[in-house]
Amino acid sequence: MSQDFSLRSLLGASSLPLNEARILMANVLGKHYQLPRSALLSRDDMELNVNALEDWKALELRRLQGEPIAYLIGKRGFHNIELQVASGVLIPRPETELLVDIGLREIGRIENEVSTPQLLDLGTGSGAIALAIAHEAPKAMLTATDQSSEALAIARANAKHLGLDSRTEFLQGDWYEALVGKVLFDVILSNPPYIADQDPHLTKGDLRFEPISALTDHSSGLSCLEAIIQGAMAYLKPMGLIAVEHGFDQSESVADLMKTAGFSDIQIHQDLAGHNRTVSARK
């Protein structure tokens, strides 16, 4: 009896959770047959050819070994845009959309006084924060920095793909050192590495496959946050806003850093899961 390589059979036999198996199979169908995801249902009796079957088995195995789905399919949805991602960048996460919302809210607050809001995204990775804001706020100009040339190549490719490259500038360097000349911004945003060195989370789940330098500062988890907060005063306009993402147990420490640096109107914001996730403050 010949083996059944139909979509229905392959998905049913997979050890993966069904939702994950469907995402990977939809990727195979798009790549090999230019078929939409709906074909998983409308053509579930279709049999994969040899190349597509090999691709499916390879993806299934890599996922069973723990590799993140975003890396396997090369993309991730984030705040109304889709980003290309690869192993050289952090995978954008839903909780980071909070920084985008804070940035967009501030743009709305100043839109009558500032014709072209200037925003800075420090440690941009795939470009997620900068590009999500540029997509939603057509008058805003975004500057984004990262020390990784690999990350910047992905961010620039995303900007071009989304048609946002005319309003986004990507610069290589460590935090503010990447900036050219004396620039002042209305908003500074950052999701820096904030996991402490030796934190057990670094050896679990997707984090095992992500660039370690984007996850931990190899110290207490606060050193990058401290550098960003201490340097921000010199790059913010009067009344300018800074907002940074942090770990679930770091909000008080980050608020103290803001206070020590001379900021006012310090606020702690919670993500959708109800965890303290971001601290904002004003110059």
C-alpha atoms as a PDB file:
ATOM      1  CA  MET A   1       0.000   0.000   0.000  1.00  0.00           C
ATOM      2  CA  SER A   2       1.451   3.362  -1.053  1.00  0.00           C
ATOM      3  CA  GLN A   3       2.108   5.967   1.623  1.00  0.00           C
ATOM      4  CA  ASP A   4      -0.311   8.910   1.835  1.00  0.00           C
ATOM      5  CA  PHE A   5       1.489  12.253   1.468  1.00  0.00           C
ATOM      6  CA  SER A   6      -1.666  14.359   1.361  1.00  0.00           C
ATOM      7  CA  LEU A   7      -1.856  17.550   3.401  1.00  0.00           C
ATOM      8  CA  ARG A   8      -4.535  16.024   5.619  1.00  0.00           C
ATOM      9  CA  SER A   9      -2.432  12.940   6.325  1.00  0.00           C
ATOM     10  CA  LEU A  10       0.848  14.796   6.909  1.00  0.00           C
ATOM     11  CA  LEU A  11      -0.730  17.315   9.286  1.00  0.00           C
ATOM     12  CA  GLY A  12      -2.592  14.554  11.119  1.00  0.00           C
ATOM     13  CA  ALA A  13       0.588  12.496  11.577  1.00  0.00           C
ATOM     14  CA  SER A  14       2.769  15.408  12.745  1.00  0.00           C
ATOM     15  CA  SER A  15       3.991  15.527  16.353  1.00  0.00           C
ATOM     16  CA  LEU A  16       3.755  19.329  16.261  1.00  0.00           C
ATOM     17  CA  PRO A  17       0.782  21.231  17.708  1.00  0.00           C
ATOM     18  CA  LEU A  18      -1.716  21.594  14.849  1.00  0.00           C
ATOM     19  CA  ASN A  19      -1.492  25.403  14.678  1.00  0.00           C
ATOM     20  CA  GLU A  20       2.309  25.228  14.307  1.00  0.00           C
ATOM     21  CA  ALA A  21       2.128  22.441  11.723  1.00  0.00           C
ATOM     22  CA  ARG A  22      -0.355  24.505   9.677  1.00  0.00           C
ATOM     23  CA  ILE A  23       1.907  27.595   9.717  1.00  0.00           C
ATOM     24  CA  LEU A  24       4.851  25.554   8.431  1.00  0.00           C
ATOM     25  CA  MET A  25       2.772  23.698   5.854  1.00  0.00           C
ATOM     26  CA  ALA A  26       1.295  26.979   4.594  1.00  0.00           C
ATOM     27  CA  ASN A  27       4.867  28.198   4.095  1.00  0.00           C
ATOM     28  CA  VAL A  28       5.676  25.063   2.044  1.00  0.00           C
ATOM     29  CA  LEU A  29       2.549  25.553  -0.101  1.00  0.00           C
ATOM     30  CA  GLY A  30       3.382  29.193  -0.752  1.00  0.00           C
ATOM     31  CA  LYS A  31       7.004  28.467  -1.622  1.00  0.00           C
ATOM     32  CA  HIS A  32       6.510  25.405  -3.847  1.00  0.00           C
ATOM     33  CA  TYR A  33       3.034  25.956  -5.314  1.00  0.00           C
ATOM     34  CA  GLN A  34       2.273  29.697  -4.786  1.00  0.00           C
ATOM     35  CA  LEU A  35      -0.879  28.614  -2.940  1.00  0.00           C
ATOM     36  CA  PRO A  36      -2.529  30.624  -0.137  1.00  0.00           C
ATOM     37  CA  ARG A  37      -2.972  29.276   3.393  1.00  0.00           C
ATOM     38  CA  SER A  38      -6.651  28.534   2.640  1.00  0.00           C
ATOM     39  CA  ALA A  39      -5.436  25.607   0.480  1.00  0.00           C
ATOM     40  CA  LEU A  40      -4.789  23.723   3.732  1.00  0.00           C
ATOM     41  CA  LEU A  41      -8.570  23.281   3.908  1.00  0.00           C
ATOM     42  CA  SER A  42      -9.758  23.627   0.308  1.00  0.00           C
ATOM     43  CA  ARG A  43      -7.144  21.205  -1.091  1.00  0.00           C
ATOM     44  CA  ASP A  44      -6.363  19.005   1.894  1.00  0.00           C
ATOM     45  CA  ASP A  45      -6.308  15.885  -0.333  1.00  0.00           C
ATOM     46  CA  MET A  46      -3.437  17.329  -2.407  1.00  0.00           C
ATOM     47  CA  GLU A  47      -0.194  15.313  -2.256  1.00  0.00           C
ATOM     48  CA  LEU A  48       3.165  17.059  -1.906  1.00  0.00           C
ATOM     49  CA  ASN A  49       5.804  16.491  -4.582  1.00  0.00           C
ATOM     50  CA  VAL A  50       9.252  15.187  -3.581  1.00  0.00           C
ATOM     51  CA  ASN A  51      10.863  18.628  -3.091  1.00  0.00           C
ATOM     52  CA  ALA A  52       7.947  20.020  -1.108  1.00  0.00           C
ATOM     53  CA  LEU A  53       7.809  16.883   1.037  1.00  0.00           C
ATOM     54  CA  GLU A  54      11.526  17.157   1.822  1.00  0.00           C
ATOM     55  CA  ASP A  55      11.061  20.825   2.735  1.00  0.00           C
ATOM     56  CA  TRP A  56       8.107  19.985   5.011  1.00  0.00           C
ATOM     57  CA  LYS A  57      10.013  17.194   6.801  1.00  0.00           C
ATOM     58  CA  ALA A  58      13.047  19.441   7.321  1.00  0.00           C
ATOM     59  CA  LEU A  59      10.937  22.282   8.747  1.00  0.00           C
ATOM     60  CA  GLU A  60       8.988  19.874  10.956  1.00  0.00           C
ATOM     61  CA  LEU A  61      12.203  18.386  12.367  1.00  0.00           C
ATOM     62  CA  ARG A  62      13.815  21.775  13.013  1.00  0.00           C
ATOM     63  CA  ARG A  63      10.699  22.937  14.853  1.00  0.00           C
ATOM     64  CA  LEU A  64      10.583  19.724  16.906  1.00  0.00           C
ATOM     65  CA  GLN A  65      14.174  20.511  17.895  1.00  0.00           C
ATOM     66  CA  GLY A  66      12.965  23.883  19.182  1.00  0.00           C
ATOM     67  CA  GLU A  67      13.925  26.311  16.423  1.00  0.00           C
ATOM     68  CA  PRO A  68      11.578  29.339  16.418  1.00  0.00           C
ATOM     69  CA  ILE A  69       8.832  29.357  13.778  1.00  0.00           C
ATOM     70  CA  ALA A  70       9.691  32.963  12.834  1.00  0.00           C
ATOM     71  CA  TYR A  71      13.200  31.857  11.804  1.00  0.00           C
ATOM     72  CA  LEU A  72      11.862  28.790   9.958  1.00  0.00           C
ATOM     73  CA  ILE A  73       9.476  30.802   7.777  1.00  0.00           C
ATOM     74  CA  GLY A  74      11.609  33.976   7.754  1.00  0.00           C
ATOM     75  CA  LYS A  75       8.927  36.413   8.856  1.00  0.00           C
ATOM     76  CA  ARG A  76       6.919  37.670  11.817  1.00  0.00           C
ATOM     77  CA  GLY A  77       3.828  39.879  12.098  1.00  0.00           C
ATOM     78  CA  PHE A  78       4.217  42.928  14.349  1.00  0.00           C
ATOM     79  CA  HIS A  79       1.751  45.804  14.945  1.00  0.00           C
ATOM     80  CA  ASN A  80       0.069  45.808  11.481  1.00  0.00           C
ATOM     81  CA  ILE A  81       3.250  45.108   9.493  1.00  0.00           C
ATOM     82  CA  GLU A  82       5.078  41.937   8.502  1.00  0.00           C
ATOM     83  CA  LEU A  83       8.819  41.818   9.030  1.00  0.00           C
ATOM     84  CA  GLN A  84      11.505  39.609   7.558  1.00  0.00           C
ATOM     85  CA  VAL A  85      13.481  37.988  10.364  1.00  0.00           C
ATOM     86  CA  ALA A  86      16.529  35.712  10.480  1.00  0.00           C
ATOM     87  CA  SER A  87      18.752  34.266  13.162  1.00  0.00           C
ATOM     88  CA  GLY A  88      20.804  37.492  13.370  1.00  0.00           C
ATOM     89  CA  VAL A  89      17.961  39.486  14.943  1.00  0.00           C
ATOM     90  CA  LEU A  90      15.640  39.237  17.918  1.00  0.00           C
ATOM     91  CA  ILE A  91      12.162  37.978  17.037  1.00  0.00           C
ATOM     92  CA  PRO A  92       9.698  40.885  17.544  1.00  0.00           C
ATOM     93  CA  ARG A  93       7.259  40.136  20.381  1.00  0.00           C
ATOM     94  CA  PRO A  94       3.712  41.315  21.103  1.00  0.00           C
ATOM     95  CA  GLU A  95       4.729  43.024  24.368  1.00  0.00           C
ATOM     96  CA  THR A  96       7.078  45.338  22.437  1.00  0.00           C
ATOM     97  CA  GLU A  97       4.054  46.716  20.561  1.00  0.00           C
ATOM     98  CA  LEU A  98       3.456  48.706  23.767  1.00  0.00           C
ATOM     99  CA  LEU A  99       6.475  50.899  22.887  1.00  0.00           C
ATOM    100  CA  VAL A 100       4.971  51.519  19.439  1.00  0.00           C
ATOM    101  CA  ASP A 101       1.655  52.554  21.010  1.00  0.00           C
ATOM    102  CA  ILE A 102       3.414  54.933  23.414  1.00  0.00           C
ATOM    103  CA  GLY A 103       5.349  56.487  20.521  1.00  0.00           C
ATOM    104  CA  LEU A 104       2.217  56.898  18.399  1.00  0.00           C
ATOM    105  CA  ARG A 105       0.336  58.451  21.317  1.00  0.00           C
ATOM    106  CA  GLU A 106       3.089  61.027  21.763  1.00  0.00           C
ATOM    107  CA  ILE A 107       3.063  61.828  18.020  1.00  0.00           C
ATOM    108  CA  GLY A 108      -0.688  62.447  18.331  1.00  0.00           C
ATOM    109  CA  ARG A 109      -0.107  64.734  21.329  1.00  0.00           C
ATOM    110  CA  ILE A 110       2.443  66.957  19.556  1.00  0.00           C
ATOM    111  CA  GLU A 111       1.083  66.845  15.978  1.00  0.00           C
ATOM    112  CA  ASN A 112      -0.329  70.403  16.139  1.00  0.00           C
ATOM    113  CA  GLU A 113       3.013  71.877  17.265  1.00  0.00           C
ATOM    114  CA  VAL A 114       5.486  69.636  15.384  1.00  0.00           C
ATOM    115  CA  SER A 115       5.082  69.191  11.643  1.00  0.00           C
ATOM    116  CA  THR A 116       7.683  66.413  11.350  1.00  0.00           C
ATOM    117  CA  PRO A 117       8.072  64.444  14.600  1.00  0.00           C
ATOM    118  CA  GLN A 118      11.609  63.034  15.018  1.00  0.00           C
ATOM    119  CA  LEU A 119      11.868  59.648  16.720  1.00  0.00           C
ATOM    120  CA  LEU A 120      14.875  57.539  17.699  1.00  0.00           C
ATOM    121  CA  ASP A 121      14.790  53.745  18.071  1.00  0.00           C
ATOM    122  CA  LEU A 122      17.897  52.451  19.867  1.00  0.00           C
ATOM    123  CA  GLY A 123      18.903  48.833  19.211  1.00  0.00           C
ATOM    124  CA  THR A 124      16.421  48.440  16.369  1.00  0.00           C
ATOM    125  CA  GLY A 125      17.103  44.793  15.420  1.00  0.00           C
ATOM    126  CA  SER A 126      14.763  43.941  12.534  1.00  0.00           C
ATOM    127  CA  GLY A 127      13.524  47.556  12.534  1.00  0.00           C
ATOM    128  CA  ALA A 128      10.267  46.534  14.215  1.00  0.00           C
ATOM    129  CA  ILE A 129       9.585  49.586  16.406  1.00  0.00           C
ATOM    130  CA  ALA A 130      10.775  52.224  13.924  1.00  0.00           C
ATOM    131  CA  LEU A 131       8.970  50.681  10.947  1.00  0.00           C
ATOM    132  CA  ALA A 132       5.708  50.041  12.813  1.00  0.00           C
ATOM    133  CA  ILE A 133       5.636  53.732  13.799  1.00  0.00           C
ATOM    134  CA  ALA A 134       6.613  54.948  10.327  1.00  0.00           C
ATOM    135  CA  HIS A 135       3.810  52.792   8.882  1.00  0.00           C
ATOM    136  CA  GLU A 136       1.179  54.371  11.174  1.00  0.00           C
ATOM    137  CA  ALA A 137       2.488  57.953  11.307  1.00  0.00           C
ATOM    138  CA  PRO A 138       3.182  59.223   7.762  1.00  0.00           C
ATOM    139  CA  LYS A 139       4.668  62.563   8.902  1.00  0.00           C
ATOM    140  CA  ALA A 140       7.177  61.082  11.347  1.00  0.00           C
ATOM    141  CA  MET A 141      10.878  60.641  10.578  1.00  0.00           C
ATOM    142  CA  LEU A 142      12.604  57.687  12.229  1.00  0.00           C
ATOM    143  CA  THR A 143      16.269  57.209  13.074  1.00  0.00           C
ATOM    144  CA  ALA A 144      17.254  53.728  14.221  1.00  0.00           C
ATOM    145  CA  THR A 145      20.588  52.450  15.522  1.00  0.00           C
ATOM    146  CA  ASP A 146      22.117  49.027  16.065  1.00  0.00           C
ATOM    147  CA  GLN A 147      25.658  47.785  16.568  1.00  0.00           C
ATOM    148  CA  SER A 148      25.008  44.668  14.457  1.00  0.00           C
ATOM    149  CA  SER A 149      25.595  45.005  10.703  1.00  0.00           C
ATOM    150  CA  GLU A 150      23.562  41.807  10.208  1.00  0.00           C
ATOM    151  CA  ALA A 151      20.569  43.301  12.022  1.00  0.00           C
ATOM    152  CA  LEU A 152      20.833  46.573  10.078  1.00  0.00           C
ATOM    153  CA  ALA A 153      20.869  44.715   6.758  1.00  0.00           C
ATOM    154  CA  ILE A 154      17.600  43.015   7.730  1.00  0.00           C
ATOM    155  CA  ALA A 155      16.101  46.303   9.011  1.00  0.00           C
ATOM    156  CA  ARG A 156      16.992  48.133   5.788  1.00  0.00           C
ATOM    157  CA  ALA A 157      15.534  45.301   3.692  1.00  0.00           C
ATOM    158  CA  ASN A 158      12.320  45.510   5.751  1.00  0.00           C
ATOM    159  CA  ALA A 159      12.146  49.290   5.274  1.00  0.00           C
ATOM    160  CA  LYS A 160      12.516  48.905   1.519  1.00  0.00           C
ATOM    161  CA  HIS A 161       9.995  46.067   1.309  1.00  0.00           C
ATOM    162  CA  LEU A 162       7.446  48.137   3.272  1.00  0.00           C
ATOM    163  CA  GLY A 163       8.114  51.281   1.209  1.00  0.00           C
ATOM    164  CA  LEU A 164       9.291  53.174   4.303  1.00  0.00           C
ATOM    165  CA  ASP A 165      12.969  53.638   3.422  1.00  0.00           C
ATOM    166  CA  SER A 166      12.544  57.348   2.613  1.00  0.00           C
ATOM    167  CA  ARG A 167      11.486  58.099   6.216  1.00  0.00           C
ATOM    168  CA  THR A 168      13.746  55.710   8.111  1.00  0.00           C
ATOM    169  CA  GLU A 169      17.498  56.083   8.590  1.00  0.00           C
ATOM    170  CA  PHE A 170      19.532  53.188   9.977  1.00  0.00           C
ATOM    171  CA  LEU A 171      22.910  53.881  11.605  1.00  0.00           C
ATOM    172  CA  GLN A 172      25.494  51.473  12.955  1.00  0.00           C
ATOM    173  CA  GLY A 173      26.983  51.958  16.402  1.00  0.00           C
ATOM    174  CA  ASP A 174      26.512  51.544  20.127  1.00  0.00           C
ATOM    175  CA  TRP A 175      23.367  53.405  21.236  1.00  0.00           C
ATOM    176  CA  TYR A 176      23.899  57.206  20.792  1.00  0.00           C
ATOM    177  CA  GLU A 177      27.431  56.776  19.391  1.00  0.00           C
ATOM    178  CA  ALA A 178      25.843  55.869  16.049  1.00  0.00           C
ATOM    179  CA  LEU A 179      24.269  59.332  15.695  1.00  0.00           C
ATOM    180  CA  VAL A 180      25.844  61.849  13.350  1.00  0.00           C
ATOM    181  CA  GLY A 181      25.981  65.453  14.550  1.00  0.00           C
ATOM    182  CA  LYS A 182      23.846  67.050  17.242  1.00  0.00           C
ATOM    183  CA  VAL A 183      20.319  65.770  16.708  1.00  0.00           C
ATOM    184  CA  LEU A 184      17.378  66.344  19.043  1.00  0.00           C
ATOM    185  CA  PHE A 185      14.391  64.023  19.105  1.00  0.00           C
ATOM    186  CA  ASP A 186      10.768  64.312  20.206  1.00  0.00           C
ATOM    187  CA  VAL A 187      10.735  60.658  21.295  1.00  0.00           C
ATOM    188  CA  ILE A 188      13.402  58.081  22.167  1.00  0.00           C
ATOM    189  CA  LEU A 189      12.324  54.429  22.330  1.00  0.00           C
ATOM    190  CA  SER A 190      14.308  51.284  23.062  1.00  0.00           C
ATOM    191  CA  ASN A 191      13.910  47.582  23.731  1.00  0.00           C
ATOM    192  CA  PRO A 192      17.476  46.836  24.846  1.00  0.00           C
ATOM    193  CA  PRO A 193      18.975  43.584  26.193  1.00  0.00           C
ATOM    194  CA  TYR A 194      17.634  43.376  29.755  1.00  0.00           C
ATOM    195  CA  ILE A 195      17.893  39.729  30.786  1.00  0.00           C
ATOM    196  CA  ALA A 196      20.533  39.246  33.468  1.00  0.00           C
ATOM    197  CA  ASP A 197      23.563  37.085  32.728  1.00  0.00           C
ATOM    198  CA  GLN A 198      23.031  33.416  33.702  1.00  0.00           C
ATOM    199  CA  ASP A 199      19.226  33.854  33.811  1.00  0.00           C
ATOM    200  CA  PRO A 200      17.779  30.332  33.261  1.00  0.00           C
ATOM    201  CA  HIS A 201      15.343  31.700  30.626  1.00  0.00           C
ATOM    202  CA  LEU A 202      18.299  32.117  28.243  1.00  0.00           C
ATOM    203  CA  THR A 203      18.566  28.324  27.933  1.00  0.00           C
ATOM    204  CA  LYS A 204      14.871  27.728  27.226  1.00  0.00           C
ATOM    205  CA  GLY A 205      12.459  27.973  24.301  1.00  0.00           C
ATOM    206  CA  ASP A 206      13.062  30.388  21.422  1.00  0.00           C
ATOM    207  CA  LEU A 207      15.706  32.313  23.376  1.00  0.00           C
ATOM    208  CA  ARG A 208      18.227  29.474  22.823  1.00  0.00           C
ATOM    209  CA  PHE A 209      18.267  30.324  19.108  1.00  0.00           C
ATOM    210  CA  GLU A 210      18.241  34.136  19.274  1.00  0.00           C
ATOM    211  CA  PRO A 211      21.366  36.346  19.258  1.00  0.00           C
ATOM    212  CA  ILE A 212      22.612  36.414  22.850  1.00  0.00           C
ATOM    213  CA  SER A 213      23.759  40.050  22.549  1.00  0.00           C
ATOM    214  CA  ALA A 214      20.152  41.106  21.859  1.00  0.00           C
ATOM    215  CA  LEU A 215      18.907  39.358  25.005  1.00  0.00           C
ATOM    216  CA  THR A 216      21.405  39.937  27.812  1.00  0.00           C
ATOM    217  CA  ASP A 217      23.890  42.659  28.743  1.00  0.00           C
ATOM    218  CA  HIS A 218      26.131  39.903  30.232  1.00  0.00           C
ATOM    219  CA  SER A 219      25.686  41.708  33.547  1.00  0.00           C
ATOM    220  CA  SER A 220      22.809  42.622  35.887  1.00  0.00           C
ATOM    221  CA  GLY A 221      20.299  43.204  33.078  1.00  0.00           C
ATOM    222  CA  LEU A 222      20.265  46.946  33.816  1.00  0.00           C
ATOM    223  CA  SER A 223      23.535  48.196  32.263  1.00  0.00           C
ATOM    224  CA  CYS A 224      22.105  48.879  28.766  1.00  0.00           C
ATOM    225  CA  LEU A 225      18.985  50.493  30.235  1.00  0.00           C
ATOM    226  CA  GLU A 226      21.204  52.695  32.399  1.00  0.00           C
ATOM    227  CA  ALA A 227      23.350  53.781  29.422  1.00  0.00           C
ATOM    228  CA  ILE A 228      20.260  54.648  27.355  1.00  0.00           C
ATOM    229  CA  ILE A 229      18.559  56.574  30.161  1.00  0.00           C
ATOM    230  CA  GLN A 230      21.696  58.484  31.194  1.00  0.00           C
ATOM    231  CA  GLY A 231      22.448  59.501  27.609  1.00  0.00           C
ATOM    232  CA  ALA A 232      18.906  60.501  26.660  1.00  0.00           C
ATOM    233  CA  MET A 233      18.855  64.025  28.135  1.00  0.00           C
ATOM    234  CA  ALA A 234      21.415  65.218  25.589  1.00  0.00           C
ATOM    235  CA  TYR A 235      19.299  63.979  22.665  1.00  0.00           C
ATOM    236  CA  LEU A 236      15.756  64.912  23.695  1.00  0.00           C
ATOM    237  CA  LYS A 237      13.951  68.169  22.958  1.00  0.00           C
ATOM    238  CA  PRO A 238      12.470  69.997  25.966  1.00  0.00           C
ATOM    239  CA  MET A 239       9.411  67.996  27.135  1.00  0.00           C
ATOM    240  CA  GLY A 240      10.620  65.116  24.910  1.00  0.00           C
ATOM    241  CA  LEU A 241       9.571  61.596  25.851  1.00  0.00           C
ATOM    242  CA  ILE A 242      11.698  58.524  26.521  1.00  0.00           C
ATOM    243  CA  ALA A 243      10.213  55.036  26.894  1.00  0.00           C
ATOM    244  CA  VAL A 244      12.115  51.776  27.423  1.00  0.00           C
ATOM    245  CA  GLU A 245      11.046  48.145  27.645  1.00  0.00           C
ATOM    246  CA  HIS A 246      12.340  46.157  30.625  1.00  0.00           C
ATOM    247  CA  GLY A 247      12.005  42.815  32.399  1.00  0.00           C
ATOM    248  CA  PHE A 248       8.911  41.915  34.444  1.00  0.00           C
ATOM    249  CA  ASP A 249      10.684  42.656  37.763  1.00  0.00           C
ATOM    250  CA  GLN A 250      12.729  45.724  36.754  1.00  0.00           C
ATOM    251  CA  SER A 251      10.177  48.558  36.676  1.00  0.00           C
ATOM    252  CA  GLU A 252      11.151  50.095  40.041  1.00  0.00           C
ATOM    253  CA  SER A 253      14.873  49.965  39.207  1.00  0.00           C
ATOM    254  CA  VAL A 254      14.242  51.562  35.794  1.00  0.00           C
ATOM    255  CA  ALA A 255      11.999  54.262  37.330  1.00  0.00           C
ATOM    256  CA  ASP A 256      14.807  55.007  39.821  1.00  0.00           C
ATOM    257  CA  LEU A 257      17.290  55.339  36.937  1.00  0.00           C
ATOM    258  CA  MET A 258      14.919  57.829  35.246  1.00  0.00           C
ATOM    259  CA  LYS A 259      14.613  59.820  38.470  1.00  0.00           C
ATOM    260  CA  THR A 260      18.391  59.870  39.034  1.00  0.00           C
ATOM    261  CA  ALA A 261      18.927  61.065  35.447  1.00  0.00           C
ATOM    262  CA  GLY A 262      16.621  64.044  36.121  1.00  0.00           C
ATOM    263  CA  PHE A 263      13.468  62.994  34.255  1.00  0.00           C
ATOM    264  CA  SER A 264       9.951  63.869  35.367  1.00  0.00           C
ATOM    265  CA  ASP A 265       6.435  62.490  34.739  1.00  0.00           C
ATOM    266  CA  ILE A 266       7.762  58.941  35.217  1.00  0.00           C
ATOM    267  CA  GLN A 267       5.118  56.330  34.367  1.00  0.00           C
ATOM    268  CA  ILE A 268       5.059  52.528  34.438  1.00  0.00           C
ATOM    269  CA  HIS A 269       3.029  50.823  31.688  1.00  0.00           C
ATOM    270  CA  GLN A 270       1.692  47.266  31.659  1.00  0.00           C
ATOM    271  CA  ASP A 271       1.589  44.896  28.690  1.00  0.00           C
ATOM    272  CA  LEU A 272      -1.501  42.913  27.653  1.00  0.00           C
ATOM    273  CA  ALA A 273      -0.548  40.122  30.076  1.00  0.00           C
ATOM    274  CA  GLY A 274      -0.697  42.621  32.946  1.00  0.00           C
ATOM    275  CA  HIS A 275       3.070  42.701  33.577  1.00  0.00           C
ATOM    276  CA  ASN A 276       4.972  45.935  34.164  1.00  0.00           C
ATOM    277  CA  ARG A 277       6.818  46.157  30.842  1.00  0.00           C
ATOM    278  CA  THR A 278       7.717  49.764  29.990  1.00  0.00           C
ATOM    279  CA  VAL A 279       8.731  52.934  31.814  1.00  0.00           C
ATOM    280  CA  SER A 280       8.301  56.345  30.193  1.00  0.00           C
ATOM    281  CA  ALA A 281       9.422  59.801  31.345  1.00  0.00           C
ATOM    282  CA  ARG A 282       9.822  63.383  30.154  1.00  0.00           C
ATOM    283  CA  LYS A 283      12.722  65.781  29.922  1.00  0.00           C
END
